[in-house]
Amino acid sequence: MDNLTTIKIKQHEEARLNLRDCENCFAVPGSDSMIDVVHPTTGKTVIYGRTLEEVRQQLGYEKAELMTVDGFCQAKAERQDTPITWTETTKEKFYEMLEVLPPATMKNGGFLVGEPWDHHALTGRPRYAAYKEREEKFFVASRPMTRQEFEKEIA
C-alpha cells in the first residue's frame, strides 16, 4: 500500500493525500481505535469530511477529541505494554485454543494462537493470545503479546 488516497477537497477538485501528512486524528481518549485521521488542510476527517463537532453529534462519539496520531499511538502502546501475568485456565480451553488454528509459534509447552489478536500501536508487530502448560496446569496470558515477548516469557 502506498499510503496515498484520493480525496475531494472541493466539489470537483481531487488531490492525492499522503496519509503520513495527517498528523492529527479524532479519537475517544482511552479507546483502541481512531475514529479517523484529520486532513491537514481542511481540518475535517479524511473519510467523510466531518468536523469534530459533527463527529460528536452525528456519529455519536460524544467524548471524541482532537489529538495527534503520535500521541494516540503512544497512549495505546502504553496500554498494550502492561506487564504480562498468567492466569490458570482449563485443560479444555487450552486445547480448544491450540486446535482452533495452527499455532503462530510453539515452544516449551506454550503457544501463540495462530491469528493475531491485534497489532502493536508503535511497531506494527502482530500480537497474539498466548497459552502455556506448566506442571500439568494450564495458563492464559493477561494480554496479547508479540513473538518477541513470547520468546522471553516462555523461556
C-alpha atoms as a PDB file:
ATOM      1  CA  MET A   1       0.000   0.000   0.000  1.00  0.00           C
ATOM      2  CA  ASP A   2       1.369   3.416  -0.892  1.00  0.00           C
ATOM      3  CA  ASN A   3      -0.394   5.368   1.919  1.00  0.00           C
ATOM      4  CA  LEU A   4      -1.997   7.600  -0.686  1.00  0.00           C
ATOM      5  CA  THR A   5      -5.697   8.151  -1.079  1.00  0.00           C
ATOM      6  CA  THR A   6      -7.740  10.316  -3.403  1.00  0.00           C
ATOM      7  CA  ILE A   7      -9.973  12.780  -1.590  1.00  0.00           C
ATOM      8  CA  LYS A   8     -12.278  15.551  -2.657  1.00  0.00           C
ATOM      9  CA  ILE A   9     -11.089  18.908  -1.358  1.00  0.00           C
ATOM     10  CA  LYS A  10     -13.738  20.899  -3.184  1.00  0.00           C
ATOM     11  CA  GLN A  11     -16.763  19.643  -5.030  1.00  0.00           C
ATOM     12  CA  HIS A  12     -14.936  18.714  -8.261  1.00  0.00           C
ATOM     13  CA  GLU A  13     -11.300  19.036  -7.257  1.00  0.00           C
ATOM     14  CA  GLU A  14      -9.372  15.908  -6.295  1.00  0.00           C
ATOM     15  CA  ALA A  15      -5.897  15.723  -4.816  1.00  0.00           C
ATOM     16  CA  ARG A  16      -3.595  12.943  -3.726  1.00  0.00           C
ATOM     17  CA  LEU A  17      -3.037  12.868   0.012  1.00  0.00           C
ATOM     18  CA  ASN A  18      -0.207  11.009   1.676  1.00  0.00           C
ATOM     19  CA  LEU A  19      -1.687   9.683   4.914  1.00  0.00           C
ATOM     20  CA  ARG A  20       1.655  10.307   6.609  1.00  0.00           C
ATOM     21  CA  ASP A  21       0.868  14.022   6.228  1.00  0.00           C
ATOM     22  CA  CYS A  22      -2.137  13.596   8.544  1.00  0.00           C
ATOM     23  CA  GLU A  23      -0.585  14.394  11.912  1.00  0.00           C
ATOM     24  CA  ASN A  24      -3.869  14.639  13.831  1.00  0.00           C
ATOM     25  CA  CYS A  25      -6.845  12.409  14.423  1.00  0.00           C
ATOM     26  CA  PHE A  26     -10.200  12.317  16.160  1.00  0.00           C
ATOM     27  CA  ALA A  27     -10.440   9.653  18.852  1.00  0.00           C
ATOM     28  CA  VAL A  28     -12.010   8.962  22.211  1.00  0.00           C
ATOM     29  CA  PRO A  29      -9.227   9.009  24.827  1.00  0.00           C
ATOM     30  CA  GLY A  30      -8.551   5.508  26.111  1.00  0.00           C
ATOM     31  CA  SER A  31     -10.099   3.795  23.092  1.00  0.00           C
ATOM     32  CA  ASP A  32      -8.160   1.350  20.951  1.00  0.00           C
ATOM     33  CA  SER A  33      -9.287   2.760  17.593  1.00  0.00           C
ATOM     34  CA  MET A  34      -9.088   6.160  15.991  1.00  0.00           C
ATOM     35  CA  ILE A  35     -12.320   7.468  14.572  1.00  0.00           C
ATOM     36  CA  ASP A  36     -10.461   8.977  11.613  1.00  0.00           C
ATOM     37  CA  VAL A  37      -7.380  10.978  10.732  1.00  0.00           C
ATOM     38  CA  VAL A  38      -7.773  14.692  10.128  1.00  0.00           C
ATOM     39  CA  HIS A  39      -6.948  16.280   6.782  1.00  0.00           C
ATOM     40  CA  PRO A  40      -4.086  18.764   7.293  1.00  0.00           C
ATOM     41  CA  THR A  41      -5.729  21.449   5.136  1.00  0.00           C
ATOM     42  CA  THR A  42      -9.455  21.120   5.821  1.00  0.00           C
ATOM     43  CA  GLY A  43      -9.317  20.046   9.484  1.00  0.00           C
ATOM     44  CA  LYS A  44     -12.045  17.508   8.720  1.00  0.00           C
ATOM     45  CA  THR A  45     -11.994  13.717   8.724  1.00  0.00           C
ATOM     46  CA  VAL A  46     -10.407  12.196   5.640  1.00  0.00           C
ATOM     47  CA  ILE A  47     -13.103   9.551   5.124  1.00  0.00           C
ATOM     48  CA  TYR A  48     -16.341  11.523   5.471  1.00  0.00           C
ATOM     49  CA  GLY A  49     -15.218  15.149   5.705  1.00  0.00           C
ATOM     50  CA  ARG A  50     -16.663  15.777   9.170  1.00  0.00           C
ATOM     51  CA  THR A  51     -15.616  18.309  11.788  1.00  0.00           C
ATOM     52  CA  LEU A  52     -15.039  17.345  15.404  1.00  0.00           C
ATOM     53  CA  GLU A  53     -18.484  18.649  16.360  1.00  0.00           C
ATOM     54  CA  GLU A  54     -20.085  16.604  13.577  1.00  0.00           C
ATOM     55  CA  VAL A  55     -18.195  13.507  14.732  1.00  0.00           C
ATOM     56  CA  ARG A  56     -19.527  14.087  18.245  1.00  0.00           C
ATOM     57  CA  GLN A  57     -23.117  14.871  17.245  1.00  0.00           C
ATOM     58  CA  GLN A  58     -23.759  12.894  14.046  1.00  0.00           C
ATOM     59  CA  LEU A  59     -21.617   9.835  14.720  1.00  0.00           C
ATOM     60  CA  GLY A  60     -22.279   9.622  18.453  1.00  0.00           C
ATOM     61  CA  TYR A  61     -18.693   9.927  19.667  1.00  0.00           C
ATOM     62  CA  GLU A  62     -19.580  12.461  22.360  1.00  0.00           C
ATOM     63  CA  LYS A  63     -16.166  12.199  24.056  1.00  0.00           C
ATOM     64  CA  ALA A  64     -14.136  12.450  20.857  1.00  0.00           C
ATOM     65  CA  GLU A  65     -11.160  14.781  20.922  1.00  0.00           C
ATOM     66  CA  LEU A  66      -8.601  16.132  18.508  1.00  0.00           C
ATOM     67  CA  MET A  67      -5.224  14.570  19.252  1.00  0.00           C
ATOM     68  CA  THR A  68      -2.012  13.845  17.424  1.00  0.00           C
ATOM     69  CA  VAL A  69      -1.685  10.477  15.728  1.00  0.00           C
ATOM     70  CA  ASP A  70       1.635  10.010  17.536  1.00  0.00           C
ATOM     71  CA  GLY A  71       0.015  10.829  20.884  1.00  0.00           C
ATOM     72  CA  PHE A  72      -2.831   8.399  20.222  1.00  0.00           C
ATOM     73  CA  CYS A  73      -0.401   5.617  19.251  1.00  0.00           C
ATOM     74  CA  GLN A  74       1.842   6.292  22.263  1.00  0.00           C
ATOM     75  CA  ALA A  75      -1.115   6.137  24.682  1.00  0.00           C
ATOM     76  CA  LYS A  76      -2.382   2.934  23.064  1.00  0.00           C
ATOM     77  CA  ALA A  77       1.088   1.367  23.228  1.00  0.00           C
ATOM     78  CA  GLU A  78       1.288   2.170  26.939  1.00  0.00           C
ATOM     79  CA  ARG A  79      -1.993   0.289  27.456  1.00  0.00           C
ATOM     80  CA  GLN A  80      -0.728  -2.587  25.297  1.00  0.00           C
ATOM     81  CA  ASP A  81       2.598  -2.872  27.115  1.00  0.00           C
ATOM     82  CA  THR A  82       1.273  -3.632  30.586  1.00  0.00           C
ATOM     83  CA  PRO A  83       3.104  -6.372  32.492  1.00  0.00           C
ATOM     84  CA  ILE A  84       2.134  -9.901  31.473  1.00  0.00           C
ATOM     85  CA  THR A  85       0.560 -12.095  34.100  1.00  0.00           C
ATOM     86  CA  TRP A  86      -0.598 -15.692  33.699  1.00  0.00           C
ATOM     87  CA  THR A  87      -3.996 -16.875  34.907  1.00  0.00           C
ATOM     88  CA  GLU A  88      -4.902 -20.512  35.289  1.00  0.00           C
ATOM     89  CA  THR A  89      -7.370 -21.804  32.715  1.00  0.00           C
ATOM     90  CA  THR A  90      -8.855 -25.207  31.964  1.00  0.00           C
ATOM     91  CA  LYS A  91      -7.238 -28.005  30.027  1.00  0.00           C
ATOM     92  CA  GLU A  92     -10.259 -27.899  27.697  1.00  0.00           C
ATOM     93  CA  LYS A  93      -9.782 -24.193  26.926  1.00  0.00           C
ATOM     94  CA  PHE A  94      -6.046 -24.696  26.415  1.00  0.00           C
ATOM     95  CA  TYR A  95      -6.619 -27.444  23.828  1.00  0.00           C
ATOM     96  CA  GLU A  96      -9.527 -25.609  22.212  1.00  0.00           C
ATOM     97  CA  MET A  97      -7.251 -22.632  21.550  1.00  0.00           C
ATOM     98  CA  LEU A  98      -4.374 -24.870  20.487  1.00  0.00           C
ATOM     99  CA  GLU A  99      -6.586 -26.583  17.909  1.00  0.00           C
ATOM    100  CA  VAL A 100      -8.648 -23.641  16.651  1.00  0.00           C
ATOM    101  CA  LEU A 101      -5.857 -22.681  14.189  1.00  0.00           C
ATOM    102  CA  PRO A 102      -2.318 -23.866  13.609  1.00  0.00           C
ATOM    103  CA  PRO A 103      -0.259 -22.031  16.262  1.00  0.00           C
ATOM    104  CA  ALA A 104       1.736 -18.989  15.207  1.00  0.00           C
ATOM    105  CA  THR A 105       4.596 -20.483  17.227  1.00  0.00           C
ATOM    106  CA  MET A 106       5.142 -23.132  19.903  1.00  0.00           C
ATOM    107  CA  LYS A 107       7.908 -23.510  22.459  1.00  0.00           C
ATOM    108  CA  ASN A 108       8.460 -25.099  25.879  1.00  0.00           C
ATOM    109  CA  GLY A 109       4.815 -26.074  26.409  1.00  0.00           C
ATOM    110  CA  GLY A 110       3.463 -22.729  25.244  1.00  0.00           C
ATOM    111  CA  PHE A 111       1.965 -21.391  22.058  1.00  0.00           C
ATOM    112  CA  LEU A 112       0.593 -18.296  20.376  1.00  0.00           C
ATOM    113  CA  VAL A 113      -2.861 -18.680  18.845  1.00  0.00           C
ATOM    114  CA  GLY A 114      -2.414 -18.753  15.066  1.00  0.00           C
ATOM    115  CA  GLU A 115      -4.038 -15.457  14.135  1.00  0.00           C
ATOM    116  CA  PRO A 116      -3.087 -12.028  15.514  1.00  0.00           C
ATOM    117  CA  TRP A 117      -5.397 -10.519  18.103  1.00  0.00           C
ATOM    118  CA  ASP A 118      -4.212  -7.035  17.100  1.00  0.00           C
ATOM    119  CA  HIS A 119      -1.016  -5.155  16.238  1.00  0.00           C
ATOM    120  CA  HIS A 120       1.263  -3.081  18.408  1.00  0.00           C
ATOM    121  CA  ALA A 121       0.459   0.609  18.082  1.00  0.00           C
ATOM    122  CA  LEU A 122       4.071   1.735  17.629  1.00  0.00           C
ATOM    123  CA  THR A 123       5.882  -1.171  15.981  1.00  0.00           C
ATOM    124  CA  GLY A 124       3.035  -2.654  13.968  1.00  0.00           C
ATOM    125  CA  ARG A 125       4.097  -6.128  15.110  1.00  0.00           C
ATOM    126  CA  PRO A 126       1.262  -8.648  15.372  1.00  0.00           C
ATOM    127  CA  ARG A 127       0.202  -9.622  18.898  1.00  0.00           C
ATOM    128  CA  TYR A 128      -1.307 -12.999  19.718  1.00  0.00           C
ATOM    129  CA  ALA A 129      -3.217 -14.624  22.559  1.00  0.00           C
ATOM    130  CA  ALA A 130      -0.786 -16.835  24.496  1.00  0.00           C
ATOM    131  CA  TYR A 131      -1.175 -20.056  26.460  1.00  0.00           C
ATOM    132  CA  LYS A 132       1.221 -22.304  28.327  1.00  0.00           C
ATOM    133  CA  GLU A 133       1.269 -25.544  30.289  1.00  0.00           C
ATOM    134  CA  ARG A 134       3.353 -25.958  33.439  1.00  0.00           C
ATOM    135  CA  GLU A 135       3.333 -28.978  35.738  1.00  0.00           C
ATOM    136  CA  GLU A 136       0.001 -30.228  34.357  1.00  0.00           C
ATOM    137  CA  LYS A 137      -1.639 -26.824  34.877  1.00  0.00           C
ATOM    138  CA  PHE A 138      -2.792 -24.588  32.030  1.00  0.00           C
ATOM    139  CA  PHE A 139      -2.436 -20.816  31.804  1.00  0.00           C
ATOM    140  CA  VAL A 140      -3.513 -17.917  29.591  1.00  0.00           C
ATOM    141  CA  ALA A 141      -1.642 -14.619  29.322  1.00  0.00           C
ATOM    142  CA  SER A 142      -3.332 -11.465  30.586  1.00  0.00           C
ATOM    143  CA  ARG A 143      -2.876  -9.751  27.245  1.00  0.00           C
ATOM    144  CA  PRO A 144      -1.842 -10.484  23.666  1.00  0.00           C
ATOM    145  CA  MET A 145       1.896 -10.490  23.033  1.00  0.00           C
ATOM    146  CA  THR A 146       4.324 -10.298  20.141  1.00  0.00           C
ATOM    147  CA  ARG A 147       6.521 -13.226  19.174  1.00  0.00           C
ATOM    148  CA  GLN A 148       9.470 -11.427  20.754  1.00  0.00           C
ATOM    149  CA  GLU A 149       7.633 -11.082  24.067  1.00  0.00           C
ATOM    150  CA  PHE A 150       6.576 -14.717  23.886  1.00  0.00           C
ATOM    151  CA  GLU A 151      10.190 -15.840  23.411  1.00  0.00           C
ATOM    152  CA  LYS A 152      11.164 -14.015  26.633  1.00  0.00           C
ATOM    153  CA  GLU A 153       8.102 -15.174  28.596  1.00  0.00           C
ATOM    154  CA  ILE A 154       8.239 -18.838  27.672  1.00  0.00           C
ATOM    155  CA  ALA A 155      11.999 -19.433  28.054  1.00  0.00           C
END
